[in-house]
PDB file of N, CA and C in Angstrom:
ATOM      1  N   VAL A   1     -28.961 -25.769 -13.221  1.00  0.00           N
ATOM      2  CA  VAL A   1     -27.561 -25.498 -13.088  1.00  0.00           C
ATOM      3  C   VAL A   1     -26.976 -25.770 -12.580  1.00  0.00           C
ATOM      4  N   PHE A   2     -26.365 -26.232 -11.935  1.00  0.00           N
ATOM      5  CA  PHE A   2     -25.398 -27.420 -10.887  1.00  0.00           C
ATOM      6  C   PHE A   2     -23.941 -26.876 -11.753  1.00  0.00           C
ATOM      7  N   LEU A   3     -23.280 -25.812 -10.177  1.00  0.00           N
ATOM      8  CA  LEU A   3     -22.118 -25.622 -10.956  1.00  0.00           C
ATOM      9  C   LEU A   3     -20.852 -25.942 -10.195  1.00  0.00           C
ATOM     10  N   THR A   4     -18.952 -27.097 -10.326  1.00  0.00           N
ATOM     11  CA  THR A   4     -18.479 -27.117  -9.879  1.00  0.00           C
ATOM     12  C   THR A   4     -17.646 -26.395  -9.329  1.00  0.00           C
ATOM     13  N   PRO A   5     -17.716 -26.622  -7.848  1.00  0.00           N
ATOM     14  CA  PRO A   5     -16.935 -25.397  -6.916  1.00  0.00           C
ATOM     15  C   PRO A   5     -15.577 -25.217  -7.211  1.00  0.00           C
ATOM     16  N   THR A   6     -14.744 -24.325  -7.484  1.00  0.00           N
ATOM     17  CA  THR A   6     -13.402 -23.892  -8.221  1.00  0.00           C
ATOM     18  C   THR A   6     -12.765 -24.360  -6.558  1.00  0.00           C
ATOM     19  N   ALA A   7     -11.287 -24.111  -6.909  1.00  0.00           N
ATOM     20  CA  ALA A   7      -9.840 -23.780  -5.995  1.00  0.00           C
ATOM     21  C   ALA A   7     -10.109 -22.540  -5.673  1.00  0.00           C
ATOM     22  N   PRO A   8      -9.907 -21.774  -4.865  1.00  0.00           N
ATOM     23  CA  PRO A   8      -9.843 -20.878  -4.536  1.00  0.00           C
ATOM     24  C   PRO A   8      -8.678 -20.295  -5.195  1.00  0.00           C
ATOM     25  N   ILE A   9      -8.293 -18.642  -5.991  1.00  0.00           N
ATOM     26  CA  ILE A   9      -7.328 -18.538  -6.429  1.00  0.00           C
ATOM     27  C   ILE A   9      -6.196 -17.889  -5.934  1.00  0.00           C
ATOM     28  N   PRO A  10      -5.662 -17.775  -5.202  1.00  0.00           N
ATOM     29  CA  PRO A  10      -4.406 -16.882  -4.497  1.00  0.00           C
ATOM     30  C   PRO A  10      -4.748 -15.119  -4.562  1.00  0.00           C
ATOM     31  N   TYR A  11      -4.661 -14.270  -4.045  1.00  0.00           N
ATOM     32  CA  TYR A  11      -4.722 -13.187  -4.625  1.00  0.00           C
ATOM     33  C   TYR A  11      -3.360 -12.318  -4.060  1.00  0.00           C
ATOM     34  N   HIS A  12      -3.081 -12.188  -2.410  1.00  0.00           N
ATOM     35  CA  HIS A  12      -2.291 -11.218  -1.736  1.00  0.00           C
ATOM     36  C   HIS A  12      -0.806 -12.810  -2.433  1.00  0.00           C
ATOM     37  N   THR A  13      -0.357 -12.510  -3.075  1.00  0.00           N
ATOM     38  CA  THR A  13       0.943 -13.427  -3.491  1.00  0.00           C
ATOM     39  C   THR A  13       2.256 -12.708  -3.783  1.00  0.00           C
ATOM     40  N   SER A  14       2.618 -11.619  -3.105  1.00  0.00           N
ATOM     41  CA  SER A  14       3.694 -11.395  -3.039  1.00  0.00           C
ATOM     42  C   SER A  14       4.470 -11.435  -1.681  1.00  0.00           C
ATOM     43  N   ILE A  15       5.800 -11.796  -2.337  1.00  0.00           N
ATOM     44  CA  ILE A  15       6.551 -12.452  -1.634  1.00  0.00           C
ATOM     45  C   ILE A  15       7.511 -11.470  -0.955  1.00  0.00           C
ATOM     46  N   LEU A  16       7.313 -10.013  -1.308  1.00  0.00           N
ATOM     47  CA  LEU A  16       8.048  -8.882  -0.778  1.00  0.00           C
ATOM     48  C   LEU A  16       8.204  -8.290   0.905  1.00  0.00           C
ATOM     49  N   THR A  17       8.816  -8.394   1.107  1.00  0.00           N
ATOM     50  CA  THR A  17       9.018  -7.405   2.831  1.00  0.00           C
ATOM     51  C   THR A  17       7.848  -6.155   2.803  1.00  0.00           C
ATOM     52  N   SER A  18       7.660  -5.293   3.441  1.00  0.00           N
ATOM     53  CA  SER A  18       6.411  -3.786   3.796  1.00  0.00           C
ATOM     54  C   SER A  18       7.401  -3.159   2.751  1.00  0.00           C
ATOM     55  N   GLU A  19       8.463  -2.690   2.624  1.00  0.00           N
ATOM     56  CA  GLU A  19       9.363  -1.685   2.509  1.00  0.00           C
ATOM     57  C   GLU A  19       9.024  -2.179   0.693  1.00  0.00           C
ATOM     58  N   GLY A  20       9.848  -3.553   0.488  1.00  0.00           N
ATOM     59  CA  GLY A  20       9.595  -3.526  -0.701  1.00  0.00           C
ATOM     60  C   GLY A  20       8.102  -3.441  -1.894  1.00  0.00           C
ATOM     61  N   TRP A  21       6.980  -3.978  -0.887  1.00  0.00           N
ATOM     62  CA  TRP A  21       6.067  -3.605  -1.538  1.00  0.00           C
ATOM     63  C   TRP A  21       5.369  -2.931  -1.552  1.00  0.00           C
ATOM     64  N   MET A  22       6.184  -1.322  -0.796  1.00  0.00           N
ATOM     65  CA  MET A  22       5.533  -0.332  -0.935  1.00  0.00           C
ATOM     66  C   MET A  22       5.980   0.630  -1.569  1.00  0.00           C
ATOM     67  N   LEU A  23       7.414  -0.536  -2.073  1.00  0.00           N
ATOM     68  CA  LEU A  23       7.955   0.389  -3.246  1.00  0.00           C
ATOM     69  C   LEU A  23       6.994  -0.068  -4.467  1.00  0.00           C
ATOM     70  N   GLU A  24       6.987  -1.215  -4.738  1.00  0.00           N
ATOM     71  CA  GLU A  24       6.701  -2.169  -5.449  1.00  0.00           C
ATOM     72  C   GLU A  24       4.917  -1.339  -5.894  1.00  0.00           C
ATOM     73  N   LEU A  25       3.523  -0.691  -4.938  1.00  0.00           N
ATOM     74  CA  LEU A  25       3.434   0.117  -4.771  1.00  0.00           C
ATOM     75  C   LEU A  25       3.697   1.617  -5.643  1.00  0.00           C
ATOM     76  N   LEU A  26       4.345   2.179  -5.121  1.00  0.00           N
ATOM     77  CA  LEU A  26       4.507   3.437  -5.432  1.00  0.00           C
ATOM     78  C   LEU A  26       4.933   3.625  -6.441  1.00  0.00           C
ATOM     79  N   ASN A  27       5.701   2.737  -7.187  1.00  0.00           N
ATOM     80  CA  ASN A  27       6.449   3.017  -8.849  1.00  0.00           C
ATOM     81  C   ASN A  27       6.044   1.503  -9.590  1.00  0.00           C
ATOM     82  N   GLY A  28       4.928   0.951  -9.034  1.00  0.00           N
ATOM     83  CA  GLY A  28       4.629   0.246 -10.217  1.00  0.00           C
ATOM     84  C   GLY A  28       3.034   0.788 -10.589  1.00  0.00           C
ATOM     85  N   HIS A  29       2.554  -0.051 -11.285  1.00  0.00           N
ATOM     86  CA  HIS A  29       0.916   0.744 -12.388  1.00  0.00           C
ATOM     87  C   HIS A  29       0.033   1.515 -11.220  1.00  0.00           C
ATOM     88  N   PRO A  30      -0.320   2.918 -11.587  1.00  0.00           N
ATOM     89  CA  PRO A  30      -0.808   3.446 -10.949  1.00  0.00           C
ATOM     90  C   PRO A  30      -2.342   3.151 -10.131  1.00  0.00           C
ATOM     91  N   ASN A  31      -3.148   2.148 -11.038  1.00  0.00           N
ATOM     92  CA  ASN A  31      -4.341   1.638 -10.230  1.00  0.00           C
ATOM     93  C   ASN A  31      -4.183   0.613  -9.259  1.00  0.00           C
ATOM     94  N   ARG A  32      -2.722  -0.212  -9.085  1.00  0.00           N
ATOM     95  CA  ARG A  32      -2.405  -0.967  -8.228  1.00  0.00           C
ATOM     96  C   ARG A  32      -2.192   0.178  -7.115  1.00  0.00           C
ATOM     97  N   ILE A  33      -1.783   0.951  -6.769  1.00  0.00           N
ATOM     98  CA  ILE A  33      -1.899   1.743  -5.439  1.00  0.00           C
ATOM     99  C   ILE A  33      -3.308   2.022  -4.878  1.00  0.00           C
ATOM    100  N   ARG A  34      -4.367   2.818  -5.965  1.00  0.00           N
ATOM    101  CA  ARG A  34      -5.548   2.350  -5.335  1.00  0.00           C
ATOM    102  C   ARG A  34      -6.405   1.482  -5.526  1.00  0.00           C
ATOM    103  N   THR A  35      -5.911   0.233  -5.591  1.00  0.00           N
ATOM    104  CA  THR A  35      -6.534  -1.070  -5.843  1.00  0.00           C
ATOM    105  C   THR A  35      -5.703  -1.147  -4.218  1.00  0.00           C
ATOM    106  N   CYS A  36      -5.419  -0.876  -4.015  1.00  0.00           N
ATOM    107  CA  CYS A  36      -4.585  -1.766  -2.483  1.00  0.00           C
ATOM    108  C   CYS A  36      -5.310  -0.841  -1.308  1.00  0.00           C
ATOM    109  N   LEU A  37      -4.863   0.585  -1.266  1.00  0.00           N
ATOM    110  CA  LEU A  37      -5.035   1.199  -0.279  1.00  0.00           C
ATOM    111  C   LEU A  37      -6.318   2.409  -0.722  1.00  0.00           C
ATOM    112  N   GLY A  38      -6.897   2.375  -1.271  1.00  0.00           N
ATOM    113  CA  GLY A  38      -7.735   2.794  -1.259  1.00  0.00           C
ATOM    114  C   GLY A  38      -7.925   4.341  -1.917  1.00  0.00           C
ATOM    115  N   VAL A  39      -6.291   4.933  -2.513  1.00  0.00           N
ATOM    116  CA  VAL A  39      -6.245   6.288  -2.563  1.00  0.00           C
ATOM    117  C   VAL A  39      -5.245   6.110  -4.212  1.00  0.00           C
ATOM    118  N   ASN A  40      -5.516   7.096  -4.616  1.00  0.00           N
ATOM    119  CA  ASN A  40      -4.320   7.110  -6.060  1.00  0.00           C
ATOM    120  C   ASN A  40      -3.284   7.806  -5.648  1.00  0.00           C
ATOM    121  N   HIS A  41      -1.836   7.474  -6.293  1.00  0.00           N
ATOM    122  CA  HIS A  41      -0.509   8.278  -6.055  1.00  0.00           C
ATOM    123  C   HIS A  41      -0.637   9.490  -5.634  1.00  0.00           C
ATOM    124  N   ASP A  42      -1.023  10.335  -5.905  1.00  0.00           N
ATOM    125  CA  ASP A  42      -0.846  12.369  -5.981  1.00  0.00           C
ATOM    126  C   ASP A  42      -1.550  11.826  -4.579  1.00  0.00           C
ATOM    127  N   ILE A  43      -2.700  11.910  -3.962  1.00  0.00           N
ATOM    128  CA  ILE A  43      -3.406  11.692  -2.549  1.00  0.00           C
ATOM    129  C   ILE A  43      -2.444  11.189  -1.878  1.00  0.00           C
ATOM    130  N   PHE A  44      -2.013   9.795  -2.036  1.00  0.00           N
ATOM    131  CA  PHE A  44      -0.809   9.359  -1.176  1.00  0.00           C
ATOM    132  C   PHE A  44      -0.310  10.133  -1.081  1.00  0.00           C
ATOM    133  N   ASN A  45       0.832  10.922  -1.855  1.00  0.00           N
ATOM    134  CA  ASN A  45       1.802  11.609  -1.962  1.00  0.00           C
ATOM    135  C   ASN A  45       1.716  12.944  -0.881  1.00  0.00           C
ATOM    136  N   GLN A  46       0.508  13.303  -1.111  1.00  0.00           N
ATOM    137  CA  GLN A  46      -0.303  14.718  -0.376  1.00  0.00           C
ATOM    138  C   GLN A  46      -0.081  14.171   0.894  1.00  0.00           C
ATOM    139  N   LEU A  47      -0.408  13.077   1.449  1.00  0.00           N
ATOM    140  CA  LEU A  47      -1.352  12.758   2.667  1.00  0.00           C
ATOM    141  C   LEU A  47       0.506  12.829   3.530  1.00  0.00           C
ATOM    142  N   VAL A  48       1.014  12.177   2.737  1.00  0.00           N
ATOM    143  CA  VAL A  48       2.753  11.700   2.877  1.00  0.00           C
ATOM    144  C   VAL A  48       3.368  13.110   3.636  1.00  0.00           C
ATOM    145  N   CYS A  49       3.241  13.838   2.491  1.00  0.00           N
ATOM    146  CA  CYS A  49       3.665  15.503   3.070  1.00  0.00           C
ATOM    147  C   CYS A  49       3.325  15.814   4.507  1.00  0.00           C
ATOM    148  N   ALA A  50       1.818  15.696   4.259  1.00  0.00           N
ATOM    149  CA  ALA A  50       0.981  17.063   5.307  1.00  0.00           C
ATOM    150  C   ALA A  50       1.239  15.760   6.901  1.00  0.00           C
ATOM    151  N   LEU A  51       1.404  14.325   6.436  1.00  0.00           N
ATOM    152  CA  LEU A  51       1.694  14.131   7.799  1.00  0.00           C
ATOM    153  C   LEU A  51       3.125  14.443   8.576  1.00  0.00           C
ATOM    154  N   ARG A  52       3.883  14.967   7.294  1.00  0.00           N
ATOM    155  CA  ARG A  52       5.415  15.364   7.852  1.00  0.00           C
ATOM    156  C   ARG A  52       5.639  16.683   8.068  1.00  0.00           C
ATOM    157  N   ASN A  53       4.732  17.567   7.748  1.00  0.00           N
ATOM    158  CA  ASN A  53       5.064  18.389   7.711  1.00  0.00           C
ATOM    159  C   ASN A  53       4.532  19.033   9.392  1.00  0.00           C
ATOM    160  N   HIS A  54       3.287  18.421   9.611  1.00  0.00           N
ATOM    161  CA  HIS A  54       2.214  18.385  10.678  1.00  0.00           C
ATOM    162  C   HIS A  54       2.699  18.117  11.615  1.00  0.00           C
ATOM    163  N   GLY A  55       4.244  17.011  11.603  1.00  0.00           N
ATOM    164  CA  GLY A  55       4.730  16.023  12.547  1.00  0.00           C
ATOM    165  C   GLY A  55       4.154  15.345  13.131  1.00  0.00           C
ATOM    166  N   VAL A  56       3.114  14.889  12.467  1.00  0.00           N
ATOM    167  CA  VAL A  56       2.643  13.503  12.916  1.00  0.00           C
ATOM    168  C   VAL A  56       3.329  11.720  12.751  1.00  0.00           C
ATOM    169  N   LEU A  57       4.090  12.069  11.941  1.00  0.00           N
ATOM    170  CA  LEU A  57       4.803  10.973  12.100  1.00  0.00           C
ATOM    171  C   LEU A  57       6.039  11.248  11.188  1.00  0.00           C
ATOM    172  N   ASP A  58       7.087  10.391  11.378  1.00  0.00           N
ATOM    173  CA  ASP A  58       8.214  10.791  10.788  1.00  0.00           C
ATOM    174  C   ASP A  58       8.813   9.462  11.204  1.00  0.00           C
ATOM    175  N   SER A  59      10.024   8.604  10.106  1.00  0.00           N
ATOM    176  CA  SER A  59      10.401   7.774   9.915  1.00  0.00           C
ATOM    177  C   SER A  59      10.835   7.129  11.500  1.00  0.00           C
ATOM    178  N   ARG A  60      10.864   6.218  12.299  1.00  0.00           N
ATOM    179  CA  ARG A  60      11.185   5.838  13.278  1.00  0.00           C
ATOM    180  C   ARG A  60      11.228   4.117  12.978  1.00  0.00           C
ATOM    181  N   ARG A  61      12.416   3.603  13.797  1.00  0.00           N
ATOM    182  CA  ARG A  61      12.420   1.889  13.551  1.00  0.00           C
ATOM    183  C   ARG A  61      12.704   1.245  12.655  1.00  0.00           C
ATOM    184  N   ARG A  62      13.412   1.876  11.522  1.00  0.00           N
ATOM    185  CA  ARG A  62      13.294   1.232  10.496  1.00  0.00           C
ATOM    186  C   ARG A  62      12.465   1.625   9.369  1.00  0.00           C
ATOM    187  N   ILE A  63      11.464   2.150   9.931  1.00  0.00           N
ATOM    188  CA  ILE A  63       9.946   2.342   9.422  1.00  0.00           C
ATOM    189  C   ILE A  63       8.974   3.302   8.836  1.00  0.00           C
ATOM    190  N   SER A  64       9.400   3.939   7.449  1.00  0.00           N
ATOM    191  CA  SER A  64       9.115   5.082   6.842  1.00  0.00           C
ATOM    192  C   SER A  64       8.011   5.417   7.839  1.00  0.00           C
ATOM    193  N   VAL A  65       7.852   6.881   6.496  1.00  0.00           N
ATOM    194  CA  VAL A  65       6.601   7.726   7.276  1.00  0.00           C
ATOM    195  C   VAL A  65       5.349   7.074   5.943  1.00  0.00           C
ATOM    196  N   GLU A  66       5.940   6.037   4.443  1.00  0.00           N
ATOM    197  CA  GLU A  66       5.222   5.700   3.676  1.00  0.00           C
ATOM    198  C   GLU A  66       4.176   4.802   4.474  1.00  0.00           C
ATOM    199  N   GLU A  67       5.781   3.615   4.406  1.00  0.00           N
ATOM    200  CA  GLU A  67       4.766   2.156   5.193  1.00  0.00           C
ATOM    201  C   GLU A  67       4.104   2.341   6.607  1.00  0.00           C
ATOM    202  N   GLN A  68       3.957   3.297   7.204  1.00  0.00           N
ATOM    203  CA  GLN A  68       3.298   3.517   8.374  1.00  0.00           C
ATOM    204  C   GLN A  68       2.148   4.073   7.484  1.00  0.00           C
ATOM    205  N   LEU A  69       1.728   4.905   6.274  1.00  0.00           N
ATOM    206  CA  LEU A  69       0.918   5.026   6.157  1.00  0.00           C
ATOM    207  C   LEU A  69       0.161   4.088   4.975  1.00  0.00           C
ATOM    208  N   GLY A  70       0.738   2.945   4.582  1.00  0.00           N
ATOM    209  CA  GLY A  70       0.267   2.537   4.224  1.00  0.00           C
ATOM    210  C   GLY A  70      -0.102   0.688   5.036  1.00  0.00           C
ATOM    211  N   ILE A  71       0.491   0.722   5.511  1.00  0.00           N
ATOM    212  CA  ILE A  71      -0.082  -0.128   6.841  1.00  0.00           C
ATOM    213  C   ILE A  71      -1.480   0.300   7.229  1.00  0.00           C
ATOM    214  N   PHE A  72      -1.397   1.564   7.293  1.00  0.00           N
ATOM    215  CA  PHE A  72      -3.055   2.444   7.771  1.00  0.00           C
ATOM    216  C   PHE A  72      -3.932   1.759   6.982  1.00  0.00           C
ATOM    217  N   LEU A  73      -3.521   2.476   6.146  1.00  0.00           N
ATOM    218  CA  LEU A  73      -4.543   2.501   4.578  1.00  0.00           C
ATOM    219  C   LEU A  73      -4.950   1.201   4.709  1.00  0.00           C
ATOM    220  N   TYR A  74      -4.414  -0.236   4.038  1.00  0.00           N
ATOM    221  CA  TYR A  74      -4.539  -0.864   3.956  1.00  0.00           C
ATOM    222  C   TYR A  74      -5.069  -1.774   4.539  1.00  0.00           C
TER     223      TYR A  74
END
């Protein structure tokens, strides 16, 4: 049996900036954040709180802690 090759289907097609993409992940379907970042919404929020409380990360240069963590996990 010979299969004909198919054209690749684009996967990462969001036109949003990093801030918009993070908001989409945080406010969108609960499974999407797990698929994209490897952690569920509750764990992501706990990590953000821990990083803020221990002074490891803070919002700087117009990049929120959520965005910084999202970039790291992605």
